[in-house]
Amino acid sequence: MTPRLLETHCEWRAEDVADPTAWTEMLTQAECDEIAAAVEHAGAKSSDLLDIGAADFPLPTLAARLKRIENELINGRGFVRIRGVKRDHYSNDEMCLIYWGIGMHLGKPWAQNKYGHLLGDVTDQGKALDDPTARGNELGGIKLGYHCDGADLVGLMCLANGVSGGLSGVANSVALHNDLVRERPDLAAEMYLPQPYDFRGEQKPGTKGWYTVPVFTEWNDRLFVRAIPQYIRASQRIPDAPRLTDKAREALTWIEDAAESGRYSVIMGFEPGDMQFVNNFHVLHGRTEYQDDRAAGKIRHLKRLWLETEVLSDRPPYFRRNIDTHWNDKRVISRLDAAE
């Protein structure tokens, strides 16, 4: 195939998003009051988040704003930070309910791992960097390079920060794709071919430890990106995984270097209570190194959602919900206490 420029209206570069007020949605006091009322309403129905849908977390005026945000995530800039929830007003469980309730207004939750976590944790879970089953959300302290997660949207909510670091970076993969097409169409074309990914031990027992998905896909004039360079390279530890071509390695290096260059990205901090939502198909995300102080109780802890949005009506087959995967055998809310 000959790759072409796609969704140029969704391209942005660092100078276009330098002003944080452009992508920070500050909640009003009236909207915060709506959230507080929704917590009471939903809590009266059930203590199990799995019983709570959008209708059970009523947001009379904020819901319309969230629909506009959902459209912007899919058809515009592709990321947002929502700020204004007062962390010290709520318990951990209530914060999870707030995050879940707002998430249900943005999409349907997907399982994030073989345990069936619909609401997951991003914190130091004691996994070693050289553990072949370790995933980024389980690793503490280290920098995470730019990558995508599963589902249409990935959301993060900050429960607590560590001592330092842990800033979030987002990079525009639409601009990365289009500039690669402009500069090196041969490398872009290579990324349209299926590439091997390491399952990180999350595959169904008795099945292969790798799968293939293109990094770039064109579908009905839209661009879909699945770029996890770390897992693509890690697939090469598996003897029967397809071997990466020299051109694929060069293309991955180009994508990583461009994402890390600062030309296509913005770095943001999280305050406890902040929520970030990102379009996985148009925006890569990563984080800076961070430091915890467990003795002092300063432990970075985020909650995570993977969401299927209603705005995106059609997807390539490999980006659609797979109801047959063993990840859906359970539907679980992770209640990890990072302080333990």
C-alpha atoms as a PDB file:
ATOM      1  CA  MET A   1       0.000   0.000   0.000  1.00  0.00           C
ATOM      2  CA  THR A   2       0.947   3.645  -0.343  1.00  0.00           C
ATOM      3  CA  PRO A   3       0.325   5.416   2.968  1.00  0.00           C
ATOM      4  CA  ARG A   4      -1.374   8.790   2.864  1.00  0.00           C
ATOM      5  CA  LEU A   5      -2.023  11.691   5.196  1.00  0.00           C
ATOM      6  CA  LEU A   6      -4.990  11.070   7.482  1.00  0.00           C
ATOM      7  CA  GLU A   7      -7.146  13.219   9.790  1.00  0.00           C
ATOM      8  CA  THR A   8      -4.960  16.305   9.458  1.00  0.00           C
ATOM      9  CA  HIS A   9      -7.578  18.220  11.482  1.00  0.00           C
ATOM     10  CA  CYS A  10      -6.462  16.161  14.502  1.00  0.00           C
ATOM     11  CA  GLU A  11      -2.773  17.008  14.098  1.00  0.00           C
ATOM     12  CA  TRP A  12      -1.145  19.147  16.765  1.00  0.00           C
ATOM     13  CA  ARG A  13       2.374  19.914  17.871  1.00  0.00           C
ATOM     14  CA  ALA A  14       3.870  21.131  21.115  1.00  0.00           C
ATOM     15  CA  GLU A  15       3.325  24.828  20.397  1.00  0.00           C
ATOM     16  CA  ASP A  16      -0.369  24.186  19.698  1.00  0.00           C
ATOM     17  CA  VAL A  17      -0.993  22.780  23.196  1.00  0.00           C
ATOM     18  CA  ALA A  18       1.452  24.867  25.220  1.00  0.00           C
ATOM     19  CA  ASP A  19      -1.380  26.612  27.094  1.00  0.00           C
ATOM     20  CA  PRO A  20      -2.771  24.150  29.688  1.00  0.00           C
ATOM     21  CA  THR A  21      -6.054  26.048  29.927  1.00  0.00           C
ATOM     22  CA  ALA A  22      -6.825  24.789  26.411  1.00  0.00           C
ATOM     23  CA  TRP A  23      -6.949  21.154  27.570  1.00  0.00           C
ATOM     24  CA  THR A  24      -7.823  21.478  31.269  1.00  0.00           C
ATOM     25  CA  GLU A  25     -11.531  21.327  32.015  1.00  0.00           C
ATOM     26  CA  MET A  26     -12.061  23.116  35.346  1.00  0.00           C
ATOM     27  CA  LEU A  27     -15.208  21.943  37.071  1.00  0.00           C
ATOM     28  CA  THR A  28     -17.479  24.632  38.447  1.00  0.00           C
ATOM     29  CA  GLN A  29     -18.797  24.577  42.000  1.00  0.00           C
ATOM     30  CA  ALA A  30     -22.242  23.686  40.640  1.00  0.00           C
ATOM     31  CA  GLU A  31     -20.761  20.713  38.776  1.00  0.00           C
ATOM     32  CA  CYS A  32     -18.862  19.601  41.879  1.00  0.00           C
ATOM     33  CA  ASP A  33     -22.140  19.777  43.780  1.00  0.00           C
ATOM     34  CA  GLU A  34     -23.737  17.578  41.107  1.00  0.00           C
ATOM     35  CA  ILE A  35     -20.937  15.056  41.573  1.00  0.00           C
ATOM     36  CA  ALA A  36     -21.438  15.055  45.346  1.00  0.00           C
ATOM     37  CA  ALA A  37     -25.176  14.436  44.872  1.00  0.00           C
ATOM     38  CA  ALA A  38     -24.443  11.664  42.364  1.00  0.00           C
ATOM     39  CA  VAL A  39     -22.144   9.962  44.897  1.00  0.00           C
ATOM     40  CA  GLU A  40     -25.015   9.871  47.393  1.00  0.00           C
ATOM     41  CA  HIS A  41     -27.497   8.694  44.757  1.00  0.00           C
ATOM     42  CA  ALA A  42     -25.271   5.910  43.421  1.00  0.00           C
ATOM     43  CA  GLY A  43     -24.116   4.888  46.891  1.00  0.00           C
ATOM     44  CA  ALA A  44     -27.726   4.401  47.938  1.00  0.00           C
ATOM     45  CA  LYS A  45     -28.251   1.996  45.048  1.00  0.00           C
ATOM     46  CA  SER A  46     -25.217  -0.253  45.541  1.00  0.00           C
ATOM     47  CA  SER A  47     -21.737  -0.437  46.997  1.00  0.00           C
ATOM     48  CA  ASP A  48     -20.650  -2.450  43.937  1.00  0.00           C
ATOM     49  CA  LEU A  49     -19.414  -0.222  41.119  1.00  0.00           C
ATOM     50  CA  LEU A  50     -20.413  -2.886  38.610  1.00  0.00           C
ATOM     51  CA  ASP A  51     -24.041  -2.093  39.417  1.00  0.00           C
ATOM     52  CA  ILE A  52     -23.571   1.595  38.610  1.00  0.00           C
ATOM     53  CA  GLY A  53     -24.215   2.893  35.111  1.00  0.00           C
ATOM     54  CA  ALA A  54     -24.457   6.436  33.779  1.00  0.00           C
ATOM     55  CA  ALA A  55     -28.125   6.683  34.758  1.00  0.00           C
ATOM     56  CA  ASP A  56     -27.231   5.735  38.330  1.00  0.00           C
ATOM     57  CA  PHE A  57     -24.698   8.568  38.507  1.00  0.00           C
ATOM     58  CA  PRO A  58     -26.899  11.495  37.383  1.00  0.00           C
ATOM     59  CA  LEU A  59     -25.108  14.660  36.278  1.00  0.00           C
ATOM     60  CA  PRO A  60     -27.901  16.982  35.060  1.00  0.00           C
ATOM     61  CA  THR A  61     -25.638  19.637  33.517  1.00  0.00           C
ATOM     62  CA  LEU A  62     -22.134  18.100  33.616  1.00  0.00           C
ATOM     63  CA  ALA A  63     -23.286  15.181  31.444  1.00  0.00           C
ATOM     64  CA  ALA A  64     -23.647  17.470  28.413  1.00  0.00           C
ATOM     65  CA  ARG A  65     -20.162  18.831  28.984  1.00  0.00           C
ATOM     66  CA  LEU A  66     -18.799  15.294  29.184  1.00  0.00           C
ATOM     67  CA  LYS A  67     -20.423  14.461  25.831  1.00  0.00           C
ATOM     68  CA  ARG A  68     -18.629  17.452  24.293  1.00  0.00           C
ATOM     69  CA  ILE A  69     -15.375  16.210  25.836  1.00  0.00           C
ATOM     70  CA  GLU A  70     -16.016  12.725  24.412  1.00  0.00           C
ATOM     71  CA  ASN A  71     -16.441  14.192  20.924  1.00  0.00           C
ATOM     72  CA  GLU A  72     -13.261  16.269  21.304  1.00  0.00           C
ATOM     73  CA  LEU A  73     -11.355  13.162  22.371  1.00  0.00           C
ATOM     74  CA  ILE A  74     -12.350  11.272  19.208  1.00  0.00           C
ATOM     75  CA  ASN A  75     -12.593  14.037  16.627  1.00  0.00           C
ATOM     76  CA  GLY A  76     -10.279  16.718  17.967  1.00  0.00           C
ATOM     77  CA  ARG A  77      -7.258  17.143  20.229  1.00  0.00           C
ATOM     78  CA  GLY A  78      -7.541  13.639  21.706  1.00  0.00           C
ATOM     79  CA  PHE A  79      -6.741  14.327  25.375  1.00  0.00           C
ATOM     80  CA  VAL A  80      -8.136  16.221  28.354  1.00  0.00           C
ATOM     81  CA  ARG A  81      -7.408  16.844  32.019  1.00  0.00           C
ATOM     82  CA  ILE A  82     -10.456  17.304  34.255  1.00  0.00           C
ATOM     83  CA  ARG A  83      -9.726  19.202  37.448  1.00  0.00           C
ATOM     84  CA  GLY A  84     -11.786  20.378  40.402  1.00  0.00           C
ATOM     85  CA  VAL A  85     -12.797  17.310  42.424  1.00  0.00           C
ATOM     86  CA  LYS A  86     -11.595  17.959  45.976  1.00  0.00           C
ATOM     87  CA  ARG A  87      -9.681  14.815  46.914  1.00  0.00           C
ATOM     88  CA  ASP A  88      -9.744  15.529  50.654  1.00  0.00           C
ATOM     89  CA  HIS A  89     -13.542  15.621  50.665  1.00  0.00           C
ATOM     90  CA  TYR A  90     -13.862  11.938  49.744  1.00  0.00           C
ATOM     91  CA  SER A  91     -12.660   8.507  50.812  1.00  0.00           C
ATOM     92  CA  ASN A  92     -10.780   6.256  48.388  1.00  0.00           C
ATOM     93  CA  ASP A  93     -13.976   4.317  47.664  1.00  0.00           C
ATOM     94  CA  GLU A  94     -15.901   7.519  46.995  1.00  0.00           C
ATOM     95  CA  MET A  95     -13.159   8.763  44.673  1.00  0.00           C
ATOM     96  CA  CYS A  96     -13.357   5.483  42.767  1.00  0.00           C
ATOM     97  CA  LEU A  97     -17.126   5.914  42.515  1.00  0.00           C
ATOM     98  CA  ILE A  98     -16.703   9.459  41.154  1.00  0.00           C
ATOM     99  CA  TYR A  99     -14.197   8.295  38.591  1.00  0.00           C
ATOM    100  CA  TRP A 100     -16.287   5.295  37.606  1.00  0.00           C
ATOM    101  CA  GLY A 101     -19.440   7.405  37.334  1.00  0.00           C
ATOM    102  CA  ILE A 102     -17.800  10.033  35.131  1.00  0.00           C
ATOM    103  CA  GLY A 103     -16.237   7.244  33.074  1.00  0.00           C
ATOM    104  CA  MET A 104     -19.650   5.671  32.484  1.00  0.00           C
ATOM    105  CA  HIS A 105     -20.761   8.949  30.895  1.00  0.00           C
ATOM    106  CA  LEU A 106     -17.818   8.698  28.476  1.00  0.00           C
ATOM    107  CA  GLY A 107     -18.000   5.035  27.469  1.00  0.00           C
ATOM    108  CA  LYS A 108     -18.306   1.365  28.332  1.00  0.00           C
ATOM    109  CA  PRO A 109     -15.545  -0.249  30.425  1.00  0.00           C
ATOM    110  CA  TRP A 110     -13.231  -2.902  29.033  1.00  0.00           C
ATOM    111  CA  ALA A 111     -11.240  -5.491  30.965  1.00  0.00           C
ATOM    112  CA  GLN A 112      -7.597  -4.416  31.243  1.00  0.00           C
ATOM    113  CA  ASN A 113      -5.924  -7.735  32.018  1.00  0.00           C
ATOM    114  CA  LYS A 114      -6.444 -11.465  32.531  1.00  0.00           C
ATOM    115  CA  TYR A 115      -7.868 -10.777  35.984  1.00  0.00           C
ATOM    116  CA  GLY A 116     -10.790  -8.922  34.432  1.00  0.00           C
ATOM    117  CA  HIS A 117     -10.034  -5.575  36.081  1.00  0.00           C
ATOM    118  CA  LEU A 118     -12.473  -2.978  34.761  1.00  0.00           C
ATOM    119  CA  LEU A 119     -11.102  -0.417  37.194  1.00  0.00           C
ATOM    120  CA  GLY A 120      -7.364  -0.945  37.551  1.00  0.00           C
ATOM    121  CA  ASP A 121      -4.381   0.471  39.420  1.00  0.00           C
ATOM    122  CA  VAL A 122      -1.251   2.283  38.296  1.00  0.00           C
ATOM    123  CA  THR A 123       1.210   2.117  41.171  1.00  0.00           C
ATOM    124  CA  ASP A 124       4.325   0.255  42.273  1.00  0.00           C
ATOM    125  CA  GLN A 125       3.160  -3.349  42.543  1.00  0.00           C
ATOM    126  CA  GLY A 126       6.583  -4.818  43.254  1.00  0.00           C
ATOM    127  CA  LYS A 127       7.236  -6.152  39.764  1.00  0.00           C
ATOM    128  CA  ALA A 128      10.832  -6.254  38.554  1.00  0.00           C
ATOM    129  CA  LEU A 129      11.784  -4.539  35.315  1.00  0.00           C
ATOM    130  CA  ASP A 130      13.180  -7.795  33.902  1.00  0.00           C
ATOM    131  CA  ASP A 131      10.023  -9.764  34.750  1.00  0.00           C
ATOM    132  CA  PRO A 132       8.651 -10.901  31.352  1.00  0.00           C
ATOM    133  CA  THR A 133       5.083 -10.651  32.705  1.00  0.00           C
ATOM    134  CA  ALA A 134       5.453  -7.114  34.101  1.00  0.00           C
ATOM    135  CA  ARG A 135       3.294  -4.401  32.565  1.00  0.00           C
ATOM    136  CA  GLY A 136       3.867  -0.668  32.791  1.00  0.00           C
ATOM    137  CA  ASN A 137       1.100   0.037  35.304  1.00  0.00           C
ATOM    138  CA  GLU A 138       2.731  -2.415  37.736  1.00  0.00           C
ATOM    139  CA  LEU A 139       6.249  -0.950  37.629  1.00  0.00           C
ATOM    140  CA  GLY A 140       7.264   1.654  40.177  1.00  0.00           C
ATOM    141  CA  GLY A 141       9.544   4.624  39.741  1.00  0.00           C
ATOM    142  CA  ILE A 142      10.807   4.096  36.205  1.00  0.00           C
ATOM    143  CA  LYS A 143      10.127   6.249  33.187  1.00  0.00           C
ATOM    144  CA  LEU A 144       7.559   4.787  30.801  1.00  0.00           C
ATOM    145  CA  GLY A 145       8.101   5.482  27.117  1.00  0.00           C
ATOM    146  CA  TYR A 146       5.281   6.679  24.869  1.00  0.00           C
ATOM    147  CA  HIS A 147       2.755   3.975  24.009  1.00  0.00           C
ATOM    148  CA  CYS A 148      -0.940   3.161  23.596  1.00  0.00           C
ATOM    149  CA  ASP A 149      -3.254   1.160  25.846  1.00  0.00           C
ATOM    150  CA  GLY A 150      -6.272  -0.962  24.889  1.00  0.00           C
ATOM    151  CA  ALA A 151      -9.795   0.265  24.012  1.00  0.00           C
ATOM    152  CA  ASP A 152     -10.742   3.620  22.475  1.00  0.00           C
ATOM    153  CA  LEU A 153      -9.968   5.706  25.548  1.00  0.00           C
ATOM    154  CA  VAL A 154      -7.647   5.284  28.501  1.00  0.00           C
ATOM    155  CA  GLY A 155      -8.428   7.230  31.651  1.00  0.00           C
ATOM    156  CA  LEU A 156      -6.335   7.928  34.721  1.00  0.00           C
ATOM    157  CA  MET A 157      -7.399   9.447  38.039  1.00  0.00           C
ATOM    158  CA  CYS A 158      -4.850  10.580  40.615  1.00  0.00           C
ATOM    159  CA  LEU A 159      -5.502   9.361  44.152  1.00  0.00           C
ATOM    160  CA  ALA A 160      -2.068  10.335  45.488  1.00  0.00           C
ATOM    161  CA  ASN A 161       1.324  11.525  44.322  1.00  0.00           C
ATOM    162  CA  GLY A 162       4.739  10.282  45.345  1.00  0.00           C
ATOM    163  CA  VAL A 163       7.540  12.507  46.585  1.00  0.00           C
ATOM    164  CA  SER A 164       8.550  13.761  43.151  1.00  0.00           C
ATOM    165  CA  GLY A 165       8.242  13.100  39.439  1.00  0.00           C
ATOM    166  CA  GLY A 166       5.573  10.994  37.792  1.00  0.00           C
ATOM    167  CA  LEU A 167       4.528  13.656  35.295  1.00  0.00           C
ATOM    168  CA  SER A 168       2.305  12.535  32.438  1.00  0.00           C
ATOM    169  CA  GLY A 169       3.322  13.036  28.818  1.00  0.00           C
ATOM    170  CA  VAL A 170       1.002  12.903  25.795  1.00  0.00           C
ATOM    171  CA  ALA A 171       2.168  12.947  22.172  1.00  0.00           C
ATOM    172  CA  ASN A 172       0.100  13.329  19.027  1.00  0.00           C
ATOM    173  CA  SER A 173       0.377  10.126  17.013  1.00  0.00           C
ATOM    174  CA  VAL A 174      -1.618  11.633  14.124  1.00  0.00           C
ATOM    175  CA  ALA A 175       1.100  14.216  13.549  1.00  0.00           C
ATOM    176  CA  LEU A 176       3.765  11.541  14.032  1.00  0.00           C
ATOM    177  CA  HIS A 177       2.101   9.337  11.419  1.00  0.00           C
ATOM    178  CA  ASN A 178       1.605  12.130   8.925  1.00  0.00           C
ATOM    179  CA  ASP A 179       5.155  13.443   9.277  1.00  0.00           C
ATOM    180  CA  LEU A 180       6.509   9.922   8.828  1.00  0.00           C
ATOM    181  CA  VAL A 181       4.422   9.640   5.651  1.00  0.00           C
ATOM    182  CA  ARG A 182       5.813  12.990   4.503  1.00  0.00           C
ATOM    183  CA  GLU A 183       9.448  12.206   5.347  1.00  0.00           C
ATOM    184  CA  ARG A 184       9.804   8.425   5.088  1.00  0.00           C
ATOM    185  CA  PRO A 185       6.829   6.824   3.366  1.00  0.00           C
ATOM    186  CA  ASP A 186       8.749   3.556   3.181  1.00  0.00           C
ATOM    187  CA  LEU A 187       8.927   3.368   6.981  1.00  0.00           C
ATOM    188  CA  ALA A 188       5.285   4.374   7.327  1.00  0.00           C
ATOM    189  CA  ALA A 189       4.292   1.585   4.913  1.00  0.00           C
ATOM    190  CA  GLU A 190       6.209  -0.937   7.040  1.00  0.00           C
ATOM    191  CA  MET A 191       4.171   0.081  10.077  1.00  0.00           C
ATOM    192  CA  TYR A 192       0.966  -0.748   8.173  1.00  0.00           C
ATOM    193  CA  LEU A 193       2.082  -4.389   8.161  1.00  0.00           C
ATOM    194  CA  PRO A 194       1.220  -6.633  11.146  1.00  0.00           C
ATOM    195  CA  GLN A 195       3.852  -6.394  13.888  1.00  0.00           C
ATOM    196  CA  PRO A 196       4.362  -8.888  16.738  1.00  0.00           C
ATOM    197  CA  TYR A 197       3.514  -7.923  20.334  1.00  0.00           C
ATOM    198  CA  ASP A 198       4.432  -9.711  23.553  1.00  0.00           C
ATOM    199  CA  PHE A 199       1.317 -10.807  25.487  1.00  0.00           C
ATOM    200  CA  ARG A 200       3.287 -10.346  28.746  1.00  0.00           C
ATOM    201  CA  GLY A 201       1.916 -13.631  30.055  1.00  0.00           C
ATOM    202  CA  GLU A 202      -1.701 -12.441  29.694  1.00  0.00           C
ATOM    203  CA  GLN A 203      -2.611 -14.935  26.958  1.00  0.00           C
ATOM    204  CA  LYS A 204      -5.064 -17.774  27.458  1.00  0.00           C
ATOM    205  CA  PRO A 205      -3.320 -20.824  28.963  1.00  0.00           C
ATOM    206  CA  GLY A 206      -1.938 -23.113  26.285  1.00  0.00           C
ATOM    207  CA  THR A 207      -1.897 -20.468  23.549  1.00  0.00           C
ATOM    208  CA  LYS A 208       0.969 -18.546  21.952  1.00  0.00           C
ATOM    209  CA  GLY A 209       2.603 -15.723  23.897  1.00  0.00           C
ATOM    210  CA  TRP A 210       2.400 -13.174  21.083  1.00  0.00           C
ATOM    211  CA  TYR A 211      -0.117 -11.571  18.733  1.00  0.00           C
ATOM    212  CA  THR A 212       0.135  -9.357  15.667  1.00  0.00           C
ATOM    213  CA  VAL A 213      -1.430  -5.948  14.977  1.00  0.00           C
ATOM    214  CA  PRO A 214      -0.280  -3.177  12.626  1.00  0.00           C
ATOM    215  CA  VAL A 215       1.056  -0.022  14.236  1.00  0.00           C
ATOM    216  CA  PHE A 216      -0.909   2.047  11.696  1.00  0.00           C
ATOM    217  CA  THR A 217      -4.306   1.228  10.208  1.00  0.00           C
ATOM    218  CA  GLU A 218      -6.461   3.244   7.821  1.00  0.00           C
ATOM    219  CA  TRP A 219     -10.153   2.514   8.246  1.00  0.00           C
ATOM    220  CA  ASN A 220     -12.923   4.552   6.573  1.00  0.00           C
ATOM    221  CA  ASP A 221     -10.595   7.554   6.224  1.00  0.00           C
ATOM    222  CA  ARG A 222      -9.642   7.415   9.907  1.00  0.00           C
ATOM    223  CA  LEU A 223      -6.251   6.659  11.417  1.00  0.00           C
ATOM    224  CA  PHE A 224      -5.959   3.979  14.099  1.00  0.00           C
ATOM    225  CA  VAL A 225      -2.649   3.622  15.926  1.00  0.00           C
ATOM    226  CA  ARG A 226      -1.504   0.776  18.176  1.00  0.00           C
ATOM    227  CA  ALA A 227       2.089   1.573  19.083  1.00  0.00           C
ATOM    228  CA  ILE A 228       3.687  -0.185  22.050  1.00  0.00           C
ATOM    229  CA  PRO A 229       7.350  -0.280  20.974  1.00  0.00           C
ATOM    230  CA  GLN A 230       8.394  -1.896  24.257  1.00  0.00           C
ATOM    231  CA  TYR A 231       6.104  -4.898  23.719  1.00  0.00           C
ATOM    232  CA  ILE A 232       6.923  -5.169  20.018  1.00  0.00           C
ATOM    233  CA  ARG A 233      10.625  -5.486  20.804  1.00  0.00           C
ATOM    234  CA  ALA A 234       9.912  -7.780  23.778  1.00  0.00           C
ATOM    235  CA  SER A 235       8.128 -10.194  21.413  1.00  0.00           C
ATOM    236  CA  GLN A 236      11.522 -11.146  20.026  1.00  0.00           C
ATOM    237  CA  ARG A 237      12.312 -13.090  23.203  1.00  0.00           C
ATOM    238  CA  ILE A 238       9.647 -15.616  22.109  1.00  0.00           C
ATOM    239  CA  PRO A 239      11.181 -18.130  19.670  1.00  0.00           C
ATOM    240  CA  ASP A 240       8.122 -18.598  17.455  1.00  0.00           C
ATOM    241  CA  ALA A 241       7.152 -14.903  17.232  1.00  0.00           C
ATOM    242  CA  PRO A 242       7.630 -13.309  13.787  1.00  0.00           C
ATOM    243  CA  ARG A 243      11.015 -11.602  13.452  1.00  0.00           C
ATOM    244  CA  LEU A 244      11.137  -7.832  13.137  1.00  0.00           C
ATOM    245  CA  THR A 245      12.527  -6.555   9.858  1.00  0.00           C
ATOM    246  CA  ASP A 246      15.324  -4.007   9.789  1.00  0.00           C
ATOM    247  CA  LYS A 247      12.878  -1.501   8.360  1.00  0.00           C
ATOM    248  CA  ALA A 248      10.414  -2.141  11.203  1.00  0.00           C
ATOM    249  CA  ARG A 249      13.159  -1.541  13.761  1.00  0.00           C
ATOM    250  CA  GLU A 250      14.110   1.693  12.015  1.00  0.00           C
ATOM    251  CA  ALA A 251      10.481   2.831  11.942  1.00  0.00           C
ATOM    252  CA  LEU A 252       9.979   2.087  15.654  1.00  0.00           C
ATOM    253  CA  THR A 253      13.107   4.070  16.494  1.00  0.00           C
ATOM    254  CA  TRP A 254      11.841   6.984  14.376  1.00  0.00           C
ATOM    255  CA  ILE A 255       8.487   6.955  16.204  1.00  0.00           C
ATOM    256  CA  GLU A 256      10.108   6.756  19.646  1.00  0.00           C
ATOM    257  CA  ASP A 257      12.667   9.473  18.916  1.00  0.00           C
ATOM    258  CA  ALA A 258      10.015  11.774  17.489  1.00  0.00           C
ATOM    259  CA  ALA A 259       7.670  11.229  20.435  1.00  0.00           C
ATOM    260  CA  GLU A 260      10.485  11.920  22.899  1.00  0.00           C
ATOM    261  CA  SER A 261      11.775  14.950  20.972  1.00  0.00           C
ATOM    262  CA  GLY A 262       9.292  17.357  22.563  1.00  0.00           C
ATOM    263  CA  ARG A 263       8.028  18.541  19.176  1.00  0.00           C
ATOM    264  CA  TYR A 264       4.811  16.525  19.339  1.00  0.00           C
ATOM    265  CA  SER A 265       4.157  16.357  23.081  1.00  0.00           C
ATOM    266  CA  VAL A 266       3.166  18.153  26.244  1.00  0.00           C
ATOM    267  CA  ILE A 267       3.986  17.220  29.844  1.00  0.00           C
ATOM    268  CA  MET A 268       1.453  17.709  32.618  1.00  0.00           C
ATOM    269  CA  GLY A 269       1.278  17.148  36.346  1.00  0.00           C
ATOM    270  CA  PHE A 270      -1.586  15.592  38.273  1.00  0.00           C
ATOM    271  CA  GLU A 271      -3.071  16.890  41.473  1.00  0.00           C
ATOM    272  CA  PRO A 272      -4.989  14.389  43.624  1.00  0.00           C
ATOM    273  CA  GLY A 273      -8.497  14.313  42.184  1.00  0.00           C
ATOM    274  CA  ASP A 274      -7.400  15.105  38.615  1.00  0.00           C
ATOM    275  CA  MET A 275      -8.667  12.879  35.798  1.00  0.00           C
ATOM    276  CA  GLN A 276      -7.035  12.473  32.395  1.00  0.00           C
ATOM    277  CA  PHE A 277      -8.661  10.849  29.365  1.00  0.00           C
ATOM    278  CA  VAL A 278      -6.757  10.032  26.158  1.00  0.00           C
ATOM    279  CA  ASN A 279      -7.763   8.745  22.721  1.00  0.00           C
ATOM    280  CA  ASN A 280      -5.523   5.686  22.324  1.00  0.00           C
ATOM    281  CA  PHE A 281      -5.754   5.792  18.534  1.00  0.00           C
ATOM    282  CA  HIS A 282      -4.583   9.411  18.189  1.00  0.00           C
ATOM    283  CA  VAL A 283      -2.454  10.106  21.259  1.00  0.00           C
ATOM    284  CA  LEU A 284       0.456   8.238  22.844  1.00  0.00           C
ATOM    285  CA  HIS A 285       1.077   8.585  26.560  1.00  0.00           C
ATOM    286  CA  GLY A 286       4.000   8.024  28.901  1.00  0.00           C
ATOM    287  CA  ARG A 287       5.389   9.230  32.210  1.00  0.00           C
ATOM    288  CA  THR A 288       8.559  10.571  33.763  1.00  0.00           C
ATOM    289  CA  GLU A 289      10.475   8.799  36.508  1.00  0.00           C
ATOM    290  CA  TYR A 290       9.119   9.232  40.010  1.00  0.00           C
ATOM    291  CA  GLN A 291      10.064   8.610  43.611  1.00  0.00           C
ATOM    292  CA  ASP A 292       7.888   7.239  46.395  1.00  0.00           C
ATOM    293  CA  ASP A 293       8.477   7.424  50.146  1.00  0.00           C
ATOM    294  CA  ARG A 294       6.569   4.444  51.495  1.00  0.00           C
ATOM    295  CA  ALA A 295       7.547   5.145  55.112  1.00  0.00           C
ATOM    296  CA  ALA A 296       6.071   8.637  54.854  1.00  0.00           C
ATOM    297  CA  GLY A 297       2.985   7.392  53.008  1.00  0.00           C
ATOM    298  CA  LYS A 298       3.886   9.320  49.845  1.00  0.00           C
ATOM    299  CA  ILE A 299       3.051   6.693  47.218  1.00  0.00           C
ATOM    300  CA  ARG A 300       1.994   7.523  43.668  1.00  0.00           C
ATOM    301  CA  HIS A 301      -1.338   5.831  42.984  1.00  0.00           C
ATOM    302  CA  LEU A 302      -3.602   6.284  39.971  1.00  0.00           C
ATOM    303  CA  LYS A 303      -6.784   4.435  39.023  1.00  0.00           C
ATOM    304  CA  ARG A 304      -7.275   3.413  35.376  1.00  0.00           C
ATOM    305  CA  LEU A 305     -10.206   2.878  33.013  1.00  0.00           C
ATOM    306  CA  TRP A 306     -10.303   1.535  29.474  1.00  0.00           C
ATOM    307  CA  LEU A 307     -13.436   2.773  27.706  1.00  0.00           C
ATOM    308  CA  GLU A 308     -15.289   2.131  24.461  1.00  0.00           C
ATOM    309  CA  THR A 309     -16.823   5.392  23.279  1.00  0.00           C
ATOM    310  CA  GLU A 310     -20.131   5.832  21.486  1.00  0.00           C
ATOM    311  CA  VAL A 311     -18.750   8.615  19.275  1.00  0.00           C
ATOM    312  CA  LEU A 312     -16.538   6.182  17.396  1.00  0.00           C
ATOM    313  CA  SER A 313     -19.091   4.078  15.535  1.00  0.00           C
ATOM    314  CA  ASP A 314     -16.753   1.857  13.505  1.00  0.00           C
ATOM    315  CA  ARG A 315     -13.333   0.319  14.128  1.00  0.00           C
ATOM    316  CA  PRO A 316     -10.981  -2.165  12.484  1.00  0.00           C
ATOM    317  CA  PRO A 317     -11.875  -5.721  13.554  1.00  0.00           C
ATOM    318  CA  TYR A 318      -8.897  -6.051  15.901  1.00  0.00           C
ATOM    319  CA  PHE A 319      -9.929  -2.905  17.803  1.00  0.00           C
ATOM    320  CA  ARG A 320     -13.475  -4.068  18.471  1.00  0.00           C
ATOM    321  CA  ARG A 321     -14.561  -5.532  21.785  1.00  0.00           C
ATOM    322  CA  ASN A 322     -13.684  -9.227  21.901  1.00  0.00           C
ATOM    323  CA  ILE A 323     -16.363 -10.701  24.122  1.00  0.00           C
ATOM    324  CA  ASP A 324     -14.812 -14.169  23.801  1.00  0.00           C
ATOM    325  CA  THR A 325     -11.466 -13.270  25.347  1.00  0.00           C
ATOM    326  CA  HIS A 326     -10.663 -14.885  28.701  1.00  0.00           C
ATOM    327  CA  TRP A 327     -10.113 -11.360  30.033  1.00  0.00           C
ATOM    328  CA  ASN A 328     -13.918 -11.128  30.134  1.00  0.00           C
ATOM    329  CA  ASP A 329     -14.371 -14.287  32.173  1.00  0.00           C
ATOM    330  CA  LYS A 330     -14.528 -12.068  35.243  1.00  0.00           C
ATOM    331  CA  ARG A 331     -15.648  -8.480  35.767  1.00  0.00           C
ATOM    332  CA  VAL A 332     -13.699  -7.133  38.715  1.00  0.00           C
ATOM    333  CA  ILE A 333     -13.030  -3.803  40.425  1.00  0.00           C
ATOM    334  CA  SER A 334      -9.430  -3.734  41.658  1.00  0.00           C
ATOM    335  CA  ARG A 335      -9.214  -2.392  45.186  1.00  0.00           C
ATOM    336  CA  LEU A 336      -5.463  -2.343  45.588  1.00  0.00           C
ATOM    337  CA  ASP A 337      -4.261  -0.338  48.593  1.00  0.00           C
ATOM    338  CA  ALA A 338      -0.959   1.175  47.484  1.00  0.00           C
ATOM    339  CA  ALA A 339       0.021   1.805  51.104  1.00  0.00           C
ATOM    340  CA  GLU A 340       0.103  -1.913  51.917  1.00  0.00           C
END
